[in-house]
Amino acid sequence: MIEKGKKFISPGAWFSLIYPSSWNEFEDAEDSFLFYNPNKWTGNFRISAYRDDRNNGYGKESVDYELKQNKNSSQVKLGELVCAYSKEMFQEEGSYYVTHVWIIGIGNVAFECTFTVPRGNDIIEAEEIISSLKAYPKGKQINEIIPIRVLEINVVNEAFDWASSTIKKQIKKDFTSSEEDIAKIQQMLDSSSFKPQQREVWESFGIAFGTIIENQIDGMEWVTVINGNKEIPGLRFNESKLIIYPSEIIWNLVRAGQPCDLNAIFQDVKLKVENELN
């Protein structure tokens, strides 16, 4: 088993898996999730999931169908999971690669996992990831903090891009996530350019403020916070319980009609970090 790994929970909390701590998630096709080691490439692991809420046997039926229709497939067992396994070799730019394919069923969820590696490489990493697979019943309330997913990375990047371009347009100043940029966001908040009910605006400015916190306070890193139906980016200090939710910082104050002093909030976060260190 993977001795120390990262947990991934799919958007909507369909399923979870554990992948090696040296790996990251990367952008891939829609409804497909890609993982690999960016420092020492050992293969691309992809997973897609399909669910039939009307058929609790859908997963097993998918495995049986693959075994019947694909003459090159065979039944294997990884941990407690029965899989239909096959492989295919191909050549690219003079090198040979093998794509290993597993169809797995858990209840009403069917998974297709692939691991593309140089010919001759082992597939232990992929087998261990698959062994860690768990499917969640529809509607199950999940409350966990996991490494930031590509989905939330995109949310942060889009909010930052919008906020920085808006600041540049409105007050003719650059935004680089430095501590001096707090005053620029504050200037935007204090202007009358936006209405209180424009939630997306305030959430975007909050995330931009979060990039300052992440950039200026050592140990702060982005994570994905899953709390029931809410799945949002958060900032956590190291592995502690100190977590802040940048998208909510400004929005919660604005909708409550309360003043928002970003410099005071920033200093408060720094104080909480210092308390964690002592």
C-alpha atoms as a PDB file:
ATOM      1  CA  MET A   1       0.000   0.000   0.000  1.00  0.00           C
ATOM      2  CA  ILE A   2       0.989   3.649  -0.434  1.00  0.00           C
ATOM      3  CA  GLU A   3       2.711   4.390   2.888  1.00  0.00           C
ATOM      4  CA  LYS A   4       2.201   8.135   2.747  1.00  0.00           C
ATOM      5  CA  GLY A   5       0.012   9.629   0.100  1.00  0.00           C
ATOM      6  CA  LYS A   6      -2.340  12.437  -0.787  1.00  0.00           C
ATOM      7  CA  LYS A   7      -6.093  12.065  -0.791  1.00  0.00           C
ATOM      8  CA  PHE A   8      -8.204  13.036  -3.776  1.00  0.00           C
ATOM      9  CA  ILE A   9     -11.970  13.354  -3.547  1.00  0.00           C
ATOM     10  CA  SER A  10     -13.759  13.879  -6.839  1.00  0.00           C
ATOM     11  CA  PRO A  11     -15.923  16.962  -7.409  1.00  0.00           C
ATOM     12  CA  GLY A  12     -19.356  16.154  -6.065  1.00  0.00           C
ATOM     13  CA  ALA A  13     -17.770  13.552  -3.750  1.00  0.00           C
ATOM     14  CA  TRP A  14     -18.460  10.535  -5.956  1.00  0.00           C
ATOM     15  CA  PHE A  15     -15.263   8.768  -4.994  1.00  0.00           C
ATOM     16  CA  SER A  16     -11.873   9.078  -3.347  1.00  0.00           C
ATOM     17  CA  LEU A  17      -8.414   7.629  -3.844  1.00  0.00           C
ATOM     18  CA  ILE A  18      -4.934   7.904  -2.374  1.00  0.00           C
ATOM     19  CA  TYR A  19      -2.053   8.793  -4.698  1.00  0.00           C
ATOM     20  CA  PRO A  20       1.704   9.047  -3.977  1.00  0.00           C
ATOM     21  CA  SER A  21       2.838  12.131  -2.069  1.00  0.00           C
ATOM     22  CA  SER A  22       5.363  12.952  -4.816  1.00  0.00           C
ATOM     23  CA  TRP A  23       2.582  13.115  -7.435  1.00  0.00           C
ATOM     24  CA  ASN A  24       0.235  15.963  -8.346  1.00  0.00           C
ATOM     25  CA  GLU A  25      -3.069  16.278 -10.151  1.00  0.00           C
ATOM     26  CA  PHE A  26      -2.930  17.954 -13.569  1.00  0.00           C
ATOM     27  CA  GLU A  27      -5.385  19.397 -16.069  1.00  0.00           C
ATOM     28  CA  ASP A  28      -6.992  16.770 -18.282  1.00  0.00           C
ATOM     29  CA  ALA A  29     -10.035  16.207 -20.465  1.00  0.00           C
ATOM     30  CA  GLU A  30     -13.462  16.889 -18.977  1.00  0.00           C
ATOM     31  CA  ASP A  31     -14.610  14.199 -16.508  1.00  0.00           C
ATOM     32  CA  SER A  32     -11.119  12.683 -16.436  1.00  0.00           C
ATOM     33  CA  PHE A  33      -8.529  13.180 -13.698  1.00  0.00           C
ATOM     34  CA  LEU A  34      -4.798  12.948 -14.396  1.00  0.00           C
ATOM     35  CA  PHE A  35      -2.014  12.283 -11.873  1.00  0.00           C
ATOM     36  CA  TYR A  36       1.738  11.837 -12.204  1.00  0.00           C
ATOM     37  CA  ASN A  37       5.101  12.646 -10.633  1.00  0.00           C
ATOM     38  CA  PRO A  38       6.260  15.994 -12.107  1.00  0.00           C
ATOM     39  CA  ASN A  39       9.856  15.559 -10.925  1.00  0.00           C
ATOM     40  CA  LYS A  40      10.493  11.966 -11.986  1.00  0.00           C
ATOM     41  CA  TRP A  41       7.957  10.752 -14.520  1.00  0.00           C
ATOM     42  CA  THR A  42       6.978   7.121 -13.988  1.00  0.00           C
ATOM     43  CA  GLY A  43       3.703   7.163 -15.904  1.00  0.00           C
ATOM     44  CA  ASN A  44       0.394   8.963 -16.395  1.00  0.00           C
ATOM     45  CA  PHE A  45      -2.488   7.697 -14.275  1.00  0.00           C
ATOM     46  CA  ARG A  46      -5.984   8.664 -15.413  1.00  0.00           C
ATOM     47  CA  ILE A  47      -9.340   7.871 -13.897  1.00  0.00           C
ATOM     48  CA  SER A  48     -12.913   8.441 -15.048  1.00  0.00           C
ATOM     49  CA  ALA A  49     -16.052   7.472 -13.145  1.00  0.00           C
ATOM     50  CA  TYR A  50     -19.575   6.697 -14.339  1.00  0.00           C
ATOM     51  CA  ARG A  51     -22.593   6.313 -12.058  1.00  0.00           C
ATOM     52  CA  ASP A  52     -26.077   4.878 -12.544  1.00  0.00           C
ATOM     53  CA  ASP A  53     -28.273   5.954  -9.642  1.00  0.00           C
ATOM     54  CA  ARG A  54     -31.007   3.531 -10.735  1.00  0.00           C
ATOM     55  CA  ASN A  55     -28.818   0.428 -10.772  1.00  0.00           C
ATOM     56  CA  ASN A  56     -26.752  -0.539  -7.734  1.00  0.00           C
ATOM     57  CA  GLY A  57     -25.165  -3.353  -9.728  1.00  0.00           C
ATOM     58  CA  TYR A  58     -23.912  -1.058 -12.481  1.00  0.00           C
ATOM     59  CA  GLY A  59     -20.277  -1.329 -11.402  1.00  0.00           C
ATOM     60  CA  LYS A  60     -20.140  -5.122 -11.473  1.00  0.00           C
ATOM     61  CA  GLU A  61     -22.092  -5.231 -14.730  1.00  0.00           C
ATOM     62  CA  SER A  62     -19.512  -2.921 -16.321  1.00  0.00           C
ATOM     63  CA  VAL A  63     -16.674  -5.232 -15.286  1.00  0.00           C
ATOM     64  CA  ASP A  64     -18.545  -8.298 -16.562  1.00  0.00           C
ATOM     65  CA  TYR A  65     -19.309  -6.562 -19.858  1.00  0.00           C
ATOM     66  CA  GLU A  66     -15.651  -5.653 -20.388  1.00  0.00           C
ATOM     67  CA  LEU A  67     -14.534  -9.218 -19.672  1.00  0.00           C
ATOM     68  CA  LYS A  68     -17.079 -10.536 -22.162  1.00  0.00           C
ATOM     69  CA  GLN A  69     -16.551  -8.009 -24.958  1.00  0.00           C
ATOM     70  CA  ASN A  70     -12.783  -7.504 -24.763  1.00  0.00           C
ATOM     71  CA  LYS A  71     -11.031 -10.778 -25.565  1.00  0.00           C
ATOM     72  CA  ASN A  72      -7.733  -9.299 -24.396  1.00  0.00           C
ATOM     73  CA  SER A  73      -9.042  -8.582 -20.898  1.00  0.00           C
ATOM     74  CA  SER A  74      -8.662 -10.798 -17.861  1.00  0.00           C
ATOM     75  CA  GLN A  75     -10.005 -10.715 -14.325  1.00  0.00           C
ATOM     76  CA  VAL A  76      -7.620  -9.506 -11.628  1.00  0.00           C
ATOM     77  CA  LYS A  77      -8.083  -8.565  -8.005  1.00  0.00           C
ATOM     78  CA  LEU A  78      -6.495  -5.466  -6.482  1.00  0.00           C
ATOM     79  CA  GLY A  79      -7.086  -5.361  -2.757  1.00  0.00           C
ATOM     80  CA  GLU A  80     -10.789  -6.104  -2.388  1.00  0.00           C
ATOM     81  CA  LEU A  81     -11.647  -4.903  -5.888  1.00  0.00           C
ATOM     82  CA  VAL A  82     -12.334  -7.188  -8.841  1.00  0.00           C
ATOM     83  CA  CYS A  83     -11.185  -5.616 -12.113  1.00  0.00           C
ATOM     84  CA  ALA A  84     -11.152  -6.312 -15.828  1.00  0.00           C
ATOM     85  CA  TYR A  85      -7.558  -5.723 -16.929  1.00  0.00           C
ATOM     86  CA  SER A  86      -6.031  -5.301 -20.382  1.00  0.00           C
ATOM     87  CA  LYS A  87      -3.061  -3.544 -21.958  1.00  0.00           C
ATOM     88  CA  GLU A  88      -2.003  -2.112 -25.288  1.00  0.00           C
ATOM     89  CA  MET A  89       1.445  -1.175 -26.584  1.00  0.00           C
ATOM     90  CA  PHE A  90       2.123   1.760 -28.900  1.00  0.00           C
ATOM     91  CA  GLN A  91       5.075   3.661 -30.315  1.00  0.00           C
ATOM     92  CA  GLU A  92       5.632   7.402 -30.105  1.00  0.00           C
ATOM     93  CA  GLU A  93       8.677   9.282 -31.406  1.00  0.00           C
ATOM     94  CA  GLY A  94      10.696   6.089 -31.569  1.00  0.00           C
ATOM     95  CA  SER A  95       9.900   4.939 -28.017  1.00  0.00           C
ATOM     96  CA  TYR A  96       7.548   2.168 -26.944  1.00  0.00           C
ATOM     97  CA  TYR A  97       4.892   2.662 -24.292  1.00  0.00           C
ATOM     98  CA  VAL A  98       2.214   0.494 -22.730  1.00  0.00           C
ATOM     99  CA  THR A  99      -1.211   1.677 -21.624  1.00  0.00           C
ATOM    100  CA  HIS A 100      -2.622  -0.537 -18.886  1.00  0.00           C
ATOM    101  CA  VAL A 101      -6.404  -0.422 -18.489  1.00  0.00           C
ATOM    102  CA  TRP A 102      -8.589  -1.454 -15.561  1.00  0.00           C
ATOM    103  CA  ILE A 103     -12.385  -1.429 -15.385  1.00  0.00           C
ATOM    104  CA  ILE A 104     -13.525  -1.484 -11.760  1.00  0.00           C
ATOM    105  CA  GLY A 105     -16.986  -1.582 -10.239  1.00  0.00           C
ATOM    106  CA  ILE A 106     -18.091  -0.461  -6.781  1.00  0.00           C
ATOM    107  CA  GLY A 107     -21.842  -0.502  -6.244  1.00  0.00           C
ATOM    108  CA  ASN A 108     -23.471   1.779  -8.791  1.00  0.00           C
ATOM    109  CA  VAL A 109     -20.164   3.329  -9.921  1.00  0.00           C
ATOM    110  CA  ALA A 110     -17.900   2.050 -12.699  1.00  0.00           C
ATOM    111  CA  PHE A 111     -14.329   3.286 -13.020  1.00  0.00           C
ATOM    112  CA  GLU A 112     -11.982   3.274 -15.972  1.00  0.00           C
ATOM    113  CA  CYS A 113      -8.348   3.657 -14.921  1.00  0.00           C
ATOM    114  CA  THR A 114      -5.369   3.796 -17.251  1.00  0.00           C
ATOM    115  CA  PHE A 115      -1.650   3.917 -16.561  1.00  0.00           C
ATOM    116  CA  THR A 116       0.628   4.766 -19.485  1.00  0.00           C
ATOM    117  CA  VAL A 117       4.274   3.888 -18.882  1.00  0.00           C
ATOM    118  CA  PRO A 118       7.450   3.202 -20.868  1.00  0.00           C
ATOM    119  CA  ARG A 119       7.539  -0.428 -21.991  1.00  0.00           C
ATOM    120  CA  GLY A 120       8.995  -2.611 -19.255  1.00  0.00           C
ATOM    121  CA  ASN A 121       8.115  -0.318 -16.341  1.00  0.00           C
ATOM    122  CA  ASP A 122       6.199  -1.795 -13.424  1.00  0.00           C
ATOM    123  CA  ILE A 123       2.641  -0.762 -12.572  1.00  0.00           C
ATOM    124  CA  ILE A 124       2.724  -1.103  -8.789  1.00  0.00           C
ATOM    125  CA  GLU A 125       1.944   2.593  -8.227  1.00  0.00           C
ATOM    126  CA  ALA A 126      -1.241   2.366 -10.291  1.00  0.00           C
ATOM    127  CA  GLU A 127      -2.311  -0.877  -8.622  1.00  0.00           C
ATOM    128  CA  GLU A 128      -1.930   0.707  -5.189  1.00  0.00           C
ATOM    129  CA  ILE A 129      -3.965   3.753  -6.226  1.00  0.00           C
ATOM    130  CA  ILE A 130      -6.741   1.517  -7.540  1.00  0.00           C
ATOM    131  CA  SER A 131      -6.679  -0.559  -4.347  1.00  0.00           C
ATOM    132  CA  SER A 132      -7.407   2.629  -2.387  1.00  0.00           C
ATOM    133  CA  LEU A 133     -10.548   3.493  -4.391  1.00  0.00           C
ATOM    134  CA  LYS A 134     -13.739   4.198  -2.456  1.00  0.00           C
ATOM    135  CA  ALA A 135     -17.150   5.141  -3.837  1.00  0.00           C
ATOM    136  CA  TYR A 136     -19.521   7.282  -1.776  1.00  0.00           C
ATOM    137  CA  PRO A 137     -23.318   6.912  -1.715  1.00  0.00           C
ATOM    138  CA  LYS A 138     -25.187   9.760  -3.363  1.00  0.00           C
ATOM    139  CA  GLY A 139     -25.899  12.499  -0.849  1.00  0.00           C
ATOM    140  CA  LYS A 140     -23.278  11.381   1.674  1.00  0.00           C
ATOM    141  CA  GLN A 141     -21.966  14.369   3.612  1.00  0.00           C
ATOM    142  CA  ILE A 142     -18.178  14.576   3.343  1.00  0.00           C
ATOM    143  CA  ASN A 143     -16.190  16.908   5.592  1.00  0.00           C
ATOM    144  CA  GLU A 144     -12.512  16.807   4.685  1.00  0.00           C
ATOM    145  CA  ILE A 145      -9.550  18.948   3.716  1.00  0.00           C
ATOM    146  CA  ILE A 146      -7.461  17.638   0.826  1.00  0.00           C
ATOM    147  CA  PRO A 147      -4.610  18.948  -1.352  1.00  0.00           C
ATOM    148  CA  ILE A 148      -5.957  21.578  -3.705  1.00  0.00           C
ATOM    149  CA  ARG A 149      -7.548  20.078  -6.807  1.00  0.00           C
ATOM    150  CA  VAL A 150      -7.172  21.372 -10.352  1.00  0.00           C
ATOM    151  CA  LEU A 151     -10.783  22.566 -10.124  1.00  0.00           C
ATOM    152  CA  GLU A 152     -10.018  24.911  -7.214  1.00  0.00           C
ATOM    153  CA  ILE A 153      -6.663  25.943  -8.704  1.00  0.00           C
ATOM    154  CA  ASN A 154      -8.627  27.219 -11.689  1.00  0.00           C
ATOM    155  CA  VAL A 155     -11.034  29.059  -9.363  1.00  0.00           C
ATOM    156  CA  VAL A 156      -8.092  30.790  -7.659  1.00  0.00           C
ATOM    157  CA  ASN A 157      -6.384  31.637 -10.954  1.00  0.00           C
ATOM    158  CA  GLU A 158      -9.541  33.016 -12.550  1.00  0.00           C
ATOM    159  CA  ALA A 159     -10.350  35.140  -9.498  1.00  0.00           C
ATOM    160  CA  PHE A 160      -6.783  36.454  -9.346  1.00  0.00           C
ATOM    161  CA  ASP A 161      -6.773  37.303 -13.057  1.00  0.00           C
ATOM    162  CA  TRP A 162     -10.096  39.131 -12.791  1.00  0.00           C
ATOM    163  CA  ALA A 163      -9.126  41.044  -9.646  1.00  0.00           C
ATOM    164  CA  SER A 164      -5.683  42.042 -10.925  1.00  0.00           C
ATOM    165  CA  SER A 165      -7.044  43.199 -14.296  1.00  0.00           C
ATOM    166  CA  THR A 166      -9.874  45.117 -12.592  1.00  0.00           C
ATOM    167  CA  ILE A 167      -7.433  46.860 -10.240  1.00  0.00           C
ATOM    168  CA  LYS A 168      -5.210  47.718 -13.198  1.00  0.00           C
ATOM    169  CA  LYS A 169      -8.168  49.146 -15.091  1.00  0.00           C
ATOM    170  CA  GLN A 170      -9.766  51.033 -12.198  1.00  0.00           C
ATOM    171  CA  ILE A 171      -6.793  52.507 -10.344  1.00  0.00           C
ATOM    172  CA  LYS A 172      -4.000  52.053 -12.910  1.00  0.00           C
ATOM    173  CA  LYS A 173      -1.809  49.980 -10.580  1.00  0.00           C
ATOM    174  CA  ASP A 174      -0.275  46.511 -10.889  1.00  0.00           C
ATOM    175  CA  PHE A 175      -1.267  43.687  -8.554  1.00  0.00           C
ATOM    176  CA  THR A 176       1.488  41.202  -7.664  1.00  0.00           C
ATOM    177  CA  SER A 177       0.239  39.633  -4.389  1.00  0.00           C
ATOM    178  CA  SER A 178       2.648  41.696  -2.290  1.00  0.00           C
ATOM    179  CA  GLU A 179       1.681  43.061   1.119  1.00  0.00           C
ATOM    180  CA  GLU A 180       1.478  46.545  -0.409  1.00  0.00           C
ATOM    181  CA  ASP A 181      -1.344  45.280  -2.623  1.00  0.00           C
ATOM    182  CA  ILE A 182      -3.674  45.018   0.372  1.00  0.00           C
ATOM    183  CA  ALA A 183      -4.250  48.760   0.099  1.00  0.00           C
ATOM    184  CA  LYS A 184      -5.191  48.384  -3.577  1.00  0.00           C
ATOM    185  CA  ILE A 185      -7.919  45.852  -2.821  1.00  0.00           C
ATOM    186  CA  GLN A 186      -9.058  48.045   0.082  1.00  0.00           C
ATOM    187  CA  GLN A 187      -9.334  50.982  -2.307  1.00  0.00           C
ATOM    188  CA  MET A 188     -11.577  48.899  -4.548  1.00  0.00           C
ATOM    189  CA  LEU A 189     -13.762  47.901  -1.593  1.00  0.00           C
ATOM    190  CA  ASP A 190     -14.112  51.482  -0.428  1.00  0.00           C
ATOM    191  CA  SER A 191     -15.113  52.732  -3.868  1.00  0.00           C
ATOM    192  CA  SER A 192     -18.703  52.678  -5.051  1.00  0.00           C
ATOM    193  CA  SER A 193     -17.863  50.704  -8.187  1.00  0.00           C
ATOM    194  CA  PHE A 194     -19.644  47.521  -7.103  1.00  0.00           C
ATOM    195  CA  LYS A 195     -22.959  46.675  -5.479  1.00  0.00           C
ATOM    196  CA  PRO A 196     -23.236  44.674  -2.224  1.00  0.00           C
ATOM    197  CA  GLN A 197     -25.190  41.882  -3.921  1.00  0.00           C
ATOM    198  CA  GLN A 198     -22.436  41.201  -6.478  1.00  0.00           C
ATOM    199  CA  ARG A 199     -21.243  38.097  -4.669  1.00  0.00           C
ATOM    200  CA  GLU A 200     -18.816  36.917  -7.351  1.00  0.00           C
ATOM    201  CA  VAL A 201     -17.006  40.260  -7.234  1.00  0.00           C
ATOM    202  CA  TRP A 202     -16.445  40.104  -3.479  1.00  0.00           C
ATOM    203  CA  GLU A 203     -15.434  36.452  -3.599  1.00  0.00           C
ATOM    204  CA  SER A 204     -12.888  37.221  -6.320  1.00  0.00           C
ATOM    205  CA  PHE A 205     -11.389  40.093  -4.346  1.00  0.00           C
ATOM    206  CA  GLY A 206     -11.298  37.777  -1.326  1.00  0.00           C
ATOM    207  CA  ILE A 207      -9.357  35.141  -3.248  1.00  0.00           C
ATOM    208  CA  ALA A 208      -6.981  37.826  -4.534  1.00  0.00           C
ATOM    209  CA  PHE A 209      -6.474  38.830  -0.893  1.00  0.00           C
ATOM    210  CA  GLY A 210      -5.823  35.152  -0.185  1.00  0.00           C
ATOM    211  CA  THR A 211      -2.992  35.109  -2.730  1.00  0.00           C
ATOM    212  CA  ILE A 212      -1.324  37.862  -0.693  1.00  0.00           C
ATOM    213  CA  ILE A 213      -1.653  35.795   2.489  1.00  0.00           C
ATOM    214  CA  GLU A 214      -0.282  32.698   0.746  1.00  0.00           C
ATOM    215  CA  ASN A 215       2.571  34.676  -0.802  1.00  0.00           C
ATOM    216  CA  GLN A 216       3.570  36.656   2.280  1.00  0.00           C
ATOM    217  CA  ILE A 217       3.083  34.216   5.172  1.00  0.00           C
ATOM    218  CA  ASP A 218       5.375  31.189   5.148  1.00  0.00           C
ATOM    219  CA  GLY A 219       3.575  27.896   5.633  1.00  0.00           C
ATOM    220  CA  MET A 220       0.250  28.984   4.196  1.00  0.00           C
ATOM    221  CA  GLU A 221      -0.846  26.807   1.290  1.00  0.00           C
ATOM    222  CA  TRP A 222      -3.988  26.356  -0.764  1.00  0.00           C
ATOM    223  CA  VAL A 223      -6.183  23.341  -0.066  1.00  0.00           C
ATOM    224  CA  THR A 224      -9.612  22.155  -1.123  1.00  0.00           C
ATOM    225  CA  VAL A 225     -12.172  22.234   1.666  1.00  0.00           C
ATOM    226  CA  ILE A 226     -15.124  19.877   1.294  1.00  0.00           C
ATOM    227  CA  ASN A 227     -17.954  20.544   3.717  1.00  0.00           C
ATOM    228  CA  GLY A 228     -21.144  18.835   2.634  1.00  0.00           C
ATOM    229  CA  ASN A 229     -22.279  20.455  -0.598  1.00  0.00           C
ATOM    230  CA  LYS A 230     -19.680  23.217  -0.291  1.00  0.00           C
ATOM    231  CA  GLU A 231     -16.354  22.630  -2.060  1.00  0.00           C
ATOM    232  CA  ILE A 232     -14.112  25.699  -2.000  1.00  0.00           C
ATOM    233  CA  PRO A 233     -10.444  26.700  -1.930  1.00  0.00           C
ATOM    234  CA  GLY A 234      -9.038  27.457   1.507  1.00  0.00           C
ATOM    235  CA  LEU A 235      -5.690  28.379   3.026  1.00  0.00           C
ATOM    236  CA  ARG A 236      -4.195  26.164   5.716  1.00  0.00           C
ATOM    237  CA  PHE A 237      -1.109  26.811   7.794  1.00  0.00           C
ATOM    238  CA  ASN A 238       1.139  23.767   7.440  1.00  0.00           C
ATOM    239  CA  GLU A 239      -0.830  20.742   8.698  1.00  0.00           C
ATOM    240  CA  SER A 240      -2.496  22.669  11.532  1.00  0.00           C
ATOM    241  CA  LYS A 241      -6.157  23.359  12.200  1.00  0.00           C
ATOM    242  CA  LEU A 242      -5.661  27.004  11.226  1.00  0.00           C
ATOM    243  CA  ILE A 243      -7.714  27.422   8.060  1.00  0.00           C
ATOM    244  CA  ILE A 244      -9.131  30.534   6.448  1.00  0.00           C
ATOM    245  CA  TYR A 245     -11.594  30.827   3.591  1.00  0.00           C
ATOM    246  CA  PRO A 246     -10.551  33.728   1.337  1.00  0.00           C
ATOM    247  CA  SER A 247     -13.637  33.589  -0.891  1.00  0.00           C
ATOM    248  CA  GLU A 248     -15.812  34.219   2.177  1.00  0.00           C
ATOM    249  CA  ILE A 249     -13.732  36.840   4.011  1.00  0.00           C
ATOM    250  CA  ILE A 250     -14.956  39.918   2.153  1.00  0.00           C
ATOM    251  CA  TRP A 251     -18.303  38.564   0.964  1.00  0.00           C
ATOM    252  CA  ASN A 252     -19.507  37.680   4.482  1.00  0.00           C
ATOM    253  CA  LEU A 253     -18.746  41.193   5.736  1.00  0.00           C
ATOM    254  CA  VAL A 254     -20.254  42.950   2.716  1.00  0.00           C
ATOM    255  CA  ARG A 255     -23.527  41.027   2.809  1.00  0.00           C
ATOM    256  CA  ALA A 256     -23.790  41.656   6.556  1.00  0.00           C
ATOM    257  CA  GLY A 257     -23.284  45.376   5.974  1.00  0.00           C
ATOM    258  CA  GLN A 258     -20.165  45.417   8.149  1.00  0.00           C
ATOM    259  CA  PRO A 259     -16.917  47.314   7.504  1.00  0.00           C
ATOM    260  CA  CYS A 260     -14.003  45.376   6.031  1.00  0.00           C
ATOM    261  CA  ASP A 261     -10.481  46.305   7.154  1.00  0.00           C
ATOM    262  CA  LEU A 262      -8.190  44.034   5.144  1.00  0.00           C
ATOM    263  CA  ASN A 263      -5.000  45.177   6.839  1.00  0.00           C
ATOM    264  CA  ALA A 264      -6.471  44.320  10.245  1.00  0.00           C
ATOM    265  CA  ILE A 265      -7.541  40.906   8.927  1.00  0.00           C
ATOM    266  CA  PHE A 266      -4.055  40.303   7.512  1.00  0.00           C
ATOM    267  CA  GLN A 267      -2.404  41.194  10.823  1.00  0.00           C
ATOM    268  CA  ASP A 268      -4.856  38.927  12.649  1.00  0.00           C
ATOM    269  CA  VAL A 269      -3.900  36.002  10.398  1.00  0.00           C
ATOM    270  CA  LYS A 270      -0.204  36.688  11.050  1.00  0.00           C
ATOM    271  CA  LEU A 271      -0.878  36.680  14.800  1.00  0.00           C
ATOM    272  CA  LYS A 272      -2.719  33.358  14.589  1.00  0.00           C
ATOM    273  CA  VAL A 273       0.209  31.870  12.656  1.00  0.00           C
ATOM    274  CA  GLU A 274       2.633  33.100  15.324  1.00  0.00           C
ATOM    275  CA  ASN A 275       0.457  31.481  17.994  1.00  0.00           C
ATOM    276  CA  GLU A 276       0.613  28.187  16.093  1.00  0.00           C
ATOM    277  CA  LEU A 277       4.406  28.379  16.102  1.00  0.00           C
ATOM    278  CA  ASN A 278       4.636  29.043  19.850  1.00  0.00           C
END
